C-alpha cells in the first residue's frame, strides 16, 4: 500500500483570461491518516487547489504539473472511483443535498454506485449511528437546521467510505456552536475511521488542535508545511497580508 495518498508535483493553474496564475508550482504530499489544515489569506488559492483533486469540481483553465492519488494520476480515475474514494464537502450544504428525505440522502450515493440493497442498508445504519442522526432519520431535509444539513451532507459522503475527505470551509455558514460540533466530528472521523483529512477552515483556533500538519499558502504558492506548533510559532501564525491569528496550544 502506498503511504502517500495524495501528491502534487509543480502544479500550476491559471483561470481563462487571467495573466497571473492562481497556483504556482505547488508540490504537496498527504500521507494516509493525516489531518492536514490548509490555511492562508483570502484569495491565496486554497479553494482552487482543493478543486483540482476532483475532476467534476475542477475549474476550467490551463493546468500544468501532476496530481497523483494513491500513486496513479487523478485524471486516470474514472468518475465512480473518484466518487467513492475522494469525498468533498463544500461550504454550502444546500449545493450538495439532492434528495428530500434524510434516509434517502444517506443512501443516494451508494445507489448511484450500484451497491446492493443489503450493503446500502448496513452502511446507512452504521453512518446514522456514527453521526447520531437516528432521531431525525425519517425527517424531510427542509426541516433540518443548517448544522444538521451539513452533518447530513458529511454523513452521505462518509457512507461511501472515502479514503480522502476534502473540506472547503465547511463551517462558514454555521453558528459557533454548530461549527464546533462539526469540526469535532471531523476529528472523530480521522481518529476512529482513519480517513485522511484535508481541510480549509477560517476557525483556525479550533482546527489547529485537530491537525497533524499545517500547510500555509499565499499568492498561489505553498510557503511552509509542518506541525501546527511549528507553523504557528510561539502561539501565533503569521499569514501574509492578513496579520496574525493568535492561537493557544
C-alpha atoms as a PDB file:
ATOM      1  CA  UNK A   1       0.000   0.000   0.000  1.00  0.00           C
ATOM      2  CA  UNK A   2       1.298   3.426  -0.961  1.00  0.00           C
ATOM      3  CA  UNK A   3       1.981   5.525   2.160  1.00  0.00           C
ATOM      4  CA  UNK A   4       1.494   8.738   0.143  1.00  0.00           C
ATOM      5  CA  UNK A   5      -2.206   9.056  -0.625  1.00  0.00           C
ATOM      6  CA  UNK A   6      -2.214  12.387  -2.476  1.00  0.00           C
ATOM      7  CA  UNK A   7       0.675  14.128  -4.200  1.00  0.00           C
ATOM      8  CA  UNK A   8       1.106  17.163  -6.438  1.00  0.00           C
ATOM      9  CA  UNK A   9       4.236  17.971  -8.410  1.00  0.00           C
ATOM     10  CA  UNK A  10       4.857  21.520  -9.641  1.00  0.00           C
ATOM     11  CA  UNK A  11       1.116  22.108 -10.037  1.00  0.00           C
ATOM     12  CA  UNK A  12       0.362  25.400 -11.778  1.00  0.00           C
ATOM     13  CA  UNK A  13      -3.085  26.637 -12.785  1.00  0.00           C
ATOM     14  CA  UNK A  14      -4.397  29.798 -14.432  1.00  0.00           C
ATOM     15  CA  UNK A  15      -8.015  30.808 -14.998  1.00  0.00           C
ATOM     16  CA  UNK A  16      -9.001  31.874 -18.539  1.00  0.00           C
ATOM     17  CA  UNK A  17      -8.105  35.484 -19.370  1.00  0.00           C
ATOM     18  CA  UNK A  18      -6.087  35.892 -16.165  1.00  0.00           C
ATOM     19  CA  UNK A  19      -2.445  36.831 -16.570  1.00  0.00           C
ATOM     20  CA  UNK A  20      -1.449  35.777 -13.067  1.00  0.00           C
ATOM     21  CA  UNK A  21      -1.764  32.047 -12.230  1.00  0.00           C
ATOM     22  CA  UNK A  22      -3.919  31.078  -9.267  1.00  0.00           C
ATOM     23  CA  UNK A  23      -1.491  28.271  -8.388  1.00  0.00           C
ATOM     24  CA  UNK A  24       2.267  28.456  -8.821  1.00  0.00           C
ATOM     25  CA  UNK A  25       4.330  25.268  -8.792  1.00  0.00           C
ATOM     26  CA  UNK A  26       2.539  23.674  -5.842  1.00  0.00           C
ATOM     27  CA  UNK A  27       4.259  20.492  -4.651  1.00  0.00           C
ATOM     28  CA  UNK A  28       2.499  18.772  -1.776  1.00  0.00           C
ATOM     29  CA  UNK A  29       2.184  15.326  -0.219  1.00  0.00           C
ATOM     30  CA  UNK A  30      -0.512  13.894   2.058  1.00  0.00           C
ATOM     31  CA  UNK A  31       0.171  10.669   3.897  1.00  0.00           C
ATOM     32  CA  UNK A  32      -2.529   8.187   4.782  1.00  0.00           C
ATOM     33  CA  UNK A  33      -4.228   9.002   8.062  1.00  0.00           C
ATOM     34  CA  UNK A  34      -3.036  12.603   8.242  1.00  0.00           C
ATOM     35  CA  UNK A  35      -5.219  15.530   9.263  1.00  0.00           C
ATOM     36  CA  UNK A  36      -3.931  18.474   7.246  1.00  0.00           C
ATOM     37  CA  UNK A  37      -5.199  22.031   7.638  1.00  0.00           C
ATOM     38  CA  UNK A  38      -4.593  24.233   4.586  1.00  0.00           C
ATOM     39  CA  UNK A  39      -4.606  27.921   5.501  1.00  0.00           C
ATOM     40  CA  UNK A  40      -3.717  31.327   4.104  1.00  0.00           C
ATOM     41  CA  UNK A  41      -5.300  34.700   3.321  1.00  0.00           C
ATOM     42  CA  UNK A  42      -8.429  35.013   1.207  1.00  0.00           C
ATOM     43  CA  UNK A  43      -7.644  34.596  -2.480  1.00  0.00           C
ATOM     44  CA  UNK A  44      -4.384  32.711  -1.897  1.00  0.00           C
ATOM     45  CA  UNK A  45      -5.519  29.714  -3.976  1.00  0.00           C
ATOM     46  CA  UNK A  46      -6.792  27.296  -1.319  1.00  0.00           C
ATOM     47  CA  UNK A  47     -10.152  26.524  -2.943  1.00  0.00           C
ATOM     48  CA  UNK A  48      -8.606  26.420  -6.409  1.00  0.00           C
ATOM     49  CA  UNK A  49      -6.117  23.836  -5.167  1.00  0.00           C
ATOM     50  CA  UNK A  50      -8.728  21.655  -3.470  1.00  0.00           C
ATOM     51  CA  UNK A  51     -10.936  21.578  -6.552  1.00  0.00           C
ATOM     52  CA  UNK A  52      -8.077  20.220  -8.659  1.00  0.00           C
ATOM     53  CA  UNK A  53      -8.427  16.931  -6.778  1.00  0.00           C
ATOM     54  CA  UNK A  54     -11.959  16.187  -8.058  1.00  0.00           C
ATOM     55  CA  UNK A  55     -12.446  16.206 -11.827  1.00  0.00           C
ATOM     56  CA  UNK A  56     -16.144  17.126 -11.522  1.00  0.00           C
ATOM     57  CA  UNK A  57     -15.259  20.229  -9.484  1.00  0.00           C
ATOM     58  CA  UNK A  58     -12.039  21.289 -11.213  1.00  0.00           C
ATOM     59  CA  UNK A  59     -12.373  24.799 -12.686  1.00  0.00           C
ATOM     60  CA  UNK A  60     -11.784  25.497 -16.359  1.00  0.00           C
ATOM     61  CA  UNK A  61      -8.360  26.883 -17.174  1.00  0.00           C
ATOM     62  CA  UNK A  62      -4.773  25.978 -18.052  1.00  0.00           C
ATOM     63  CA  UNK A  63      -3.012  23.471 -15.842  1.00  0.00           C
ATOM     64  CA  UNK A  64       0.481  22.038 -15.784  1.00  0.00           C
ATOM     65  CA  UNK A  65       2.184  19.710 -13.345  1.00  0.00           C
ATOM     66  CA  UNK A  66       0.967  16.408 -11.944  1.00  0.00           C
ATOM     67  CA  UNK A  67      -1.607  15.190  -9.409  1.00  0.00           C
ATOM     68  CA  UNK A  68      -1.402  11.629  -8.104  1.00  0.00           C
ATOM     69  CA  UNK A  69      -3.875   9.748  -5.929  1.00  0.00           C
ATOM     70  CA  UNK A  70      -2.569   6.523  -4.409  1.00  0.00           C
ATOM     71  CA  UNK A  71       0.239   6.525  -6.952  1.00  0.00           C
ATOM     72  CA  UNK A  72      -1.949   6.954 -10.046  1.00  0.00           C
ATOM     73  CA  UNK A  73      -2.714  10.182 -11.945  1.00  0.00           C
ATOM     74  CA  UNK A  74      -6.060  11.578 -10.775  1.00  0.00           C
ATOM     75  CA  UNK A  75      -7.103  12.022 -14.411  1.00  0.00           C
ATOM     76  CA  UNK A  76      -6.947   8.235 -14.853  1.00  0.00           C
ATOM     77  CA  UNK A  77      -9.507   7.585 -12.106  1.00  0.00           C
ATOM     78  CA  UNK A  78     -12.994   7.192 -13.509  1.00  0.00           C
ATOM     79  CA  UNK A  79     -15.950   9.063 -12.045  1.00  0.00           C
ATOM     80  CA  UNK A  80     -17.113   6.107  -9.959  1.00  0.00           C
ATOM     81  CA  UNK A  81     -13.691   5.624  -8.375  1.00  0.00           C
ATOM     82  CA  UNK A  82     -13.307   9.322  -7.624  1.00  0.00           C
ATOM     83  CA  UNK A  83     -16.786   9.440  -6.076  1.00  0.00           C
ATOM     84  CA  UNK A  84     -16.127   6.505  -3.782  1.00  0.00           C
ATOM     85  CA  UNK A  85     -12.508   7.212  -2.819  1.00  0.00           C
ATOM     86  CA  UNK A  86     -12.391  11.030  -2.639  1.00  0.00           C
ATOM     87  CA  UNK A  87     -15.084  12.846  -0.669  1.00  0.00           C
ATOM     88  CA  UNK A  88     -15.580  16.608  -0.974  1.00  0.00           C
ATOM     89  CA  UNK A  89     -17.607  18.823   1.372  1.00  0.00           C
ATOM     90  CA  UNK A  90     -18.321  22.335   0.132  1.00  0.00           C
ATOM     91  CA  UNK A  91     -19.230  25.482   2.067  1.00  0.00           C
ATOM     92  CA  UNK A  92     -22.980  25.327   1.451  1.00  0.00           C
ATOM     93  CA  UNK A  93     -24.858  22.089   2.194  1.00  0.00           C
ATOM     94  CA  UNK A  94     -27.704  23.384   0.026  1.00  0.00           C
ATOM     95  CA  UNK A  95     -25.455  22.937  -3.008  1.00  0.00           C
ATOM     96  CA  UNK A  96     -24.817  19.248  -2.308  1.00  0.00           C
ATOM     97  CA  UNK A  97     -28.026  17.803  -0.872  1.00  0.00           C
ATOM     98  CA  UNK A  98     -30.018  16.248  -3.716  1.00  0.00           C
ATOM     99  CA  UNK A  99     -32.971  14.395  -2.147  1.00  0.00           C
ATOM    100  CA  UNK A 100     -35.899  15.340   0.093  1.00  0.00           C
ATOM    101  CA  UNK A 101     -35.539  12.796   2.921  1.00  0.00           C
ATOM    102  CA  UNK A 102     -32.655  12.260   5.340  1.00  0.00           C
ATOM    103  CA  UNK A 103     -32.576   8.474   4.877  1.00  0.00           C
ATOM    104  CA  UNK A 104     -32.653   8.795   1.089  1.00  0.00           C
ATOM    105  CA  UNK A 105     -29.811  11.324   1.110  1.00  0.00           C
ATOM    106  CA  UNK A 106     -27.697   8.830   3.052  1.00  0.00           C
ATOM    107  CA  UNK A 107     -28.487   6.073   0.570  1.00  0.00           C
ATOM    108  CA  UNK A 108     -28.281   8.134  -2.625  1.00  0.00           C
ATOM    109  CA  UNK A 109     -24.517   7.889  -3.180  1.00  0.00           C
ATOM    110  CA  UNK A 110     -24.456   4.135  -2.681  1.00  0.00           C
ATOM    111  CA  UNK A 111     -27.426   3.748  -5.010  1.00  0.00           C
ATOM    112  CA  UNK A 112     -25.557   5.780  -7.643  1.00  0.00           C
ATOM    113  CA  UNK A 113     -22.553   3.459  -7.269  1.00  0.00           C
ATOM    114  CA  UNK A 114     -24.809   0.441  -7.861  1.00  0.00           C
ATOM    115  CA  UNK A 115     -24.363  -1.151  -4.428  1.00  0.00           C
ATOM    116  CA  UNK A 116     -26.735  -3.967  -3.485  1.00  0.00           C
ATOM    117  CA  UNK A 117     -29.585  -3.349  -1.049  1.00  0.00           C
ATOM    118  CA  UNK A 118     -28.093  -5.226   1.958  1.00  0.00           C
ATOM    119  CA  UNK A 119     -24.864  -3.218   1.637  1.00  0.00           C
ATOM    120  CA  UNK A 120     -26.774   0.058   1.383  1.00  0.00           C
ATOM    121  CA  UNK A 121     -28.888  -0.734   4.444  1.00  0.00           C
ATOM    122  CA  UNK A 122     -25.879  -1.790   6.516  1.00  0.00           C
ATOM    123  CA  UNK A 123     -23.739   1.224   5.654  1.00  0.00           C
ATOM    124  CA  UNK A 124     -26.601   3.696   6.110  1.00  0.00           C
ATOM    125  CA  UNK A 125     -27.360   2.221   9.546  1.00  0.00           C
ATOM    126  CA  UNK A 126     -23.679   2.398  10.517  1.00  0.00           C
ATOM    127  CA  UNK A 127     -23.341   6.041   9.485  1.00  0.00           C
ATOM    128  CA  UNK A 128     -26.626   7.045  11.100  1.00  0.00           C
ATOM    129  CA  UNK A 129     -25.312   5.590  14.351  1.00  0.00           C
ATOM    130  CA  UNK A 130     -21.816   7.065  13.972  1.00  0.00           C
ATOM    131  CA  UNK A 131     -23.165  10.577  13.358  1.00  0.00           C
ATOM    132  CA  UNK A 132     -26.013  10.284  15.863  1.00  0.00           C
ATOM    133  CA  UNK A 133     -28.772  11.170  13.421  1.00  0.00           C
ATOM    134  CA  UNK A 134     -31.189   8.352  14.257  1.00  0.00           C
ATOM    135  CA  UNK A 135     -33.702  10.757  15.803  1.00  0.00           C
ATOM    136  CA  UNK A 136     -34.143  12.663  12.542  1.00  0.00           C
ATOM    137  CA  UNK A 137     -33.548   9.759  10.171  1.00  0.00           C
ATOM    138  CA  UNK A 138     -37.032  10.000   8.591  1.00  0.00           C
ATOM    139  CA  UNK A 139     -37.338  13.793   8.541  1.00  0.00           C
ATOM    140  CA  UNK A 140     -37.659  15.948   5.467  1.00  0.00           C
ATOM    141  CA  UNK A 141     -34.423  17.732   4.648  1.00  0.00           C
ATOM    142  CA  UNK A 142     -36.303  21.057   4.734  1.00  0.00           C
ATOM    143  CA  UNK A 143     -36.955  20.546   8.462  1.00  0.00           C
ATOM    144  CA  UNK A 144     -33.258  20.438   9.345  1.00  0.00           C
ATOM    145  CA  UNK A 145     -31.127  23.227  10.763  1.00  0.00           C
ATOM    146  CA  UNK A 146     -28.036  24.430   8.919  1.00  0.00           C
ATOM    147  CA  UNK A 147     -25.796  22.378  11.187  1.00  0.00           C
ATOM    148  CA  UNK A 148     -27.898  19.257  10.655  1.00  0.00           C
ATOM    149  CA  UNK A 149     -27.836  19.734   6.891  1.00  0.00           C
ATOM    150  CA  UNK A 150     -24.053  19.992   6.835  1.00  0.00           C
ATOM    151  CA  UNK A 151     -23.768  16.947   9.112  1.00  0.00           C
ATOM    152  CA  UNK A 152     -26.098  15.042   6.772  1.00  0.00           C
ATOM    153  CA  UNK A 153     -24.004  16.160   3.823  1.00  0.00           C
ATOM    154  CA  UNK A 154     -20.897  14.829   5.583  1.00  0.00           C
ATOM    155  CA  UNK A 155     -22.564  11.538   6.527  1.00  0.00           C
ATOM    156  CA  UNK A 156     -23.831  10.997   2.972  1.00  0.00           C
ATOM    157  CA  UNK A 157     -20.221  11.253   1.778  1.00  0.00           C
ATOM    158  CA  UNK A 158     -18.729   9.092   4.534  1.00  0.00           C
ATOM    159  CA  UNK A 159     -21.251   6.311   3.834  1.00  0.00           C
ATOM    160  CA  UNK A 160     -19.216   5.661   0.664  1.00  0.00           C
ATOM    161  CA  UNK A 161     -16.128   5.105   2.831  1.00  0.00           C
ATOM    162  CA  UNK A 162     -13.742   7.514   1.075  1.00  0.00           C
ATOM    163  CA  UNK A 163     -10.018   7.283   1.755  1.00  0.00           C
ATOM    164  CA  UNK A 164      -9.603  11.054   1.452  1.00  0.00           C
ATOM    165  CA  UNK A 165     -12.052  13.637   2.785  1.00  0.00           C
ATOM    166  CA  UNK A 166     -11.608  17.198   1.473  1.00  0.00           C
ATOM    167  CA  UNK A 167     -13.495  20.025   3.179  1.00  0.00           C
ATOM    168  CA  UNK A 168     -13.572  23.593   1.865  1.00  0.00           C
ATOM    169  CA  UNK A 169     -14.529  25.902   4.782  1.00  0.00           C
ATOM    170  CA  UNK A 170     -17.429  23.617   5.780  1.00  0.00           C
ATOM    171  CA  UNK A 171     -18.421  25.711   8.820  1.00  0.00           C
ATOM    172  CA  UNK A 172     -18.590  29.094   7.073  1.00  0.00           C
ATOM    173  CA  UNK A 173     -22.412  29.130   7.178  1.00  0.00           C
ATOM    174  CA  UNK A 174     -22.795  27.614  10.651  1.00  0.00           C
ATOM    175  CA  UNK A 175     -23.189  29.293  14.017  1.00  0.00           C
ATOM    176  CA  UNK A 176     -20.297  28.911  16.501  1.00  0.00           C
ATOM    177  CA  UNK A 177     -21.832  26.000  18.425  1.00  0.00           C
ATOM    178  CA  UNK A 178     -22.738  24.018  15.301  1.00  0.00           C
ATOM    179  CA  UNK A 179     -19.319  24.798  13.817  1.00  0.00           C
ATOM    180  CA  UNK A 180     -17.514  23.500  16.886  1.00  0.00           C
ATOM    181  CA  UNK A 181     -19.556  20.299  16.883  1.00  0.00           C
ATOM    182  CA  UNK A 182     -18.954  19.806  13.163  1.00  0.00           C
ATOM    183  CA  UNK A 183     -15.172  20.189  13.498  1.00  0.00           C
ATOM    184  CA  UNK A 184     -15.162  17.800  16.462  1.00  0.00           C
ATOM    185  CA  UNK A 185     -16.909  15.257  14.222  1.00  0.00           C
ATOM    186  CA  UNK A 186     -14.190  15.677  11.593  1.00  0.00           C
ATOM    187  CA  UNK A 187     -11.609  14.914  14.254  1.00  0.00           C
ATOM    188  CA  UNK A 188     -13.565  11.806  15.240  1.00  0.00           C
ATOM    189  CA  UNK A 189     -13.652  10.624  11.620  1.00  0.00           C
ATOM    190  CA  UNK A 190      -9.880  10.970  11.391  1.00  0.00           C
ATOM    191  CA  UNK A 191      -9.169   9.250  14.716  1.00  0.00           C
ATOM    192  CA  UNK A 192     -11.718   6.441  14.636  1.00  0.00           C
ATOM    193  CA  UNK A 193     -12.090   5.698  10.911  1.00  0.00           C
ATOM    194  CA  UNK A 194      -8.539   6.555   9.843  1.00  0.00           C
ATOM    195  CA  UNK A 195      -9.784   8.758   6.991  1.00  0.00           C
ATOM    196  CA  UNK A 196      -7.206  11.202   5.627  1.00  0.00           C
ATOM    197  CA  UNK A 197      -8.442  14.790   6.067  1.00  0.00           C
ATOM    198  CA  UNK A 198      -7.597  17.903   4.022  1.00  0.00           C
ATOM    199  CA  UNK A 199      -9.391  20.926   5.473  1.00  0.00           C
ATOM    200  CA  UNK A 200      -9.532  24.649   4.802  1.00  0.00           C
ATOM    201  CA  UNK A 201     -11.155  26.493   7.667  1.00  0.00           C
ATOM    202  CA  UNK A 202     -11.292  30.084   8.921  1.00  0.00           C
ATOM    203  CA  UNK A 203     -11.784  28.936  12.541  1.00  0.00           C
ATOM    204  CA  UNK A 204      -8.114  28.058  12.884  1.00  0.00           C
ATOM    205  CA  UNK A 205      -8.148  28.221  16.658  1.00  0.00           C
ATOM    206  CA  UNK A 206     -10.489  25.187  16.595  1.00  0.00           C
ATOM    207  CA  UNK A 207      -8.968  23.416  13.594  1.00  0.00           C
ATOM    208  CA  UNK A 208      -5.296  23.542  14.627  1.00  0.00           C
ATOM    209  CA  UNK A 209      -5.650  21.287  17.694  1.00  0.00           C
ATOM    210  CA  UNK A 210      -7.131  18.585  15.433  1.00  0.00           C
ATOM    211  CA  UNK A 211      -4.373  18.768  12.821  1.00  0.00           C
ATOM    212  CA  UNK A 212      -1.275  16.624  12.490  1.00  0.00           C
ATOM    213  CA  UNK A 213       0.158  19.041   9.919  1.00  0.00           C
ATOM    214  CA  UNK A 214      -0.493  22.581   8.685  1.00  0.00           C
ATOM    215  CA  UNK A 215       0.196  23.888   5.174  1.00  0.00           C
ATOM    216  CA  UNK A 216       0.340  27.669   4.699  1.00  0.00           C
ATOM    217  CA  UNK A 217      -0.320  29.206   1.270  1.00  0.00           C
ATOM    218  CA  UNK A 218      -0.056  32.702  -0.141  1.00  0.00           C
ATOM    219  CA  UNK A 219      -0.083  34.019  -3.690  1.00  0.00           C
ATOM    220  CA  UNK A 220      -0.813  30.567  -5.094  1.00  0.00           C
ATOM    221  CA  UNK A 221       2.293  29.060  -3.504  1.00  0.00           C
ATOM    222  CA  UNK A 222       2.993  26.842  -0.521  1.00  0.00           C
ATOM    223  CA  UNK A 223       5.036  28.881   1.938  1.00  0.00           C
ATOM    224  CA  UNK A 224       5.565  26.324   4.664  1.00  0.00           C
ATOM    225  CA  UNK A 225       4.335  22.975   5.944  1.00  0.00           C
ATOM    226  CA  UNK A 226       4.842  21.387   9.339  1.00  0.00           C
ATOM    227  CA  UNK A 227       3.264  20.613  12.673  1.00  0.00           C
ATOM    228  CA  UNK A 228       0.663  23.096  13.972  1.00  0.00           C
ATOM    229  CA  UNK A 229       3.160  24.254  16.600  1.00  0.00           C
ATOM    230  CA  UNK A 230       5.920  24.761  14.034  1.00  0.00           C
ATOM    231  CA  UNK A 231       3.648  26.541  11.571  1.00  0.00           C
ATOM    232  CA  UNK A 232       2.199  28.793  14.237  1.00  0.00           C
ATOM    233  CA  UNK A 233       5.409  29.540  16.046  1.00  0.00           C
ATOM    234  CA  UNK A 234       5.170  30.632  19.676  1.00  0.00           C
ATOM    235  CA  UNK A 235       1.391  30.924  19.959  1.00  0.00           C
ATOM    236  CA  UNK A 236       0.723  32.647  16.645  1.00  0.00           C
ATOM    237  CA  UNK A 237       0.638  32.051  12.920  1.00  0.00           C
ATOM    238  CA  UNK A 238       1.800  34.752  10.550  1.00  0.00           C
ATOM    239  CA  UNK A 239      -0.409  34.746   7.470  1.00  0.00           C
ATOM    240  CA  UNK A 240       0.969  37.257   4.945  1.00  0.00           C
ATOM    241  CA  UNK A 241      -1.216  40.271   4.226  1.00  0.00           C
ATOM    242  CA  UNK A 242      -3.763  39.202   6.823  1.00  0.00           C
ATOM    243  CA  UNK A 243      -1.984  39.873  10.095  1.00  0.00           C
ATOM    244  CA  UNK A 244      -1.620  37.478  12.992  1.00  0.00           C
ATOM    245  CA  UNK A 245      -4.078  34.957  14.343  1.00  0.00           C
ATOM    246  CA  UNK A 246      -3.283  34.162  17.943  1.00  0.00           C
ATOM    247  CA  UNK A 247      -3.543  30.555  18.998  1.00  0.00           C
ATOM    248  CA  UNK A 248      -3.141  28.598  22.221  1.00  0.00           C
ATOM    249  CA  UNK A 249      -1.594  25.132  22.288  1.00  0.00           C
END
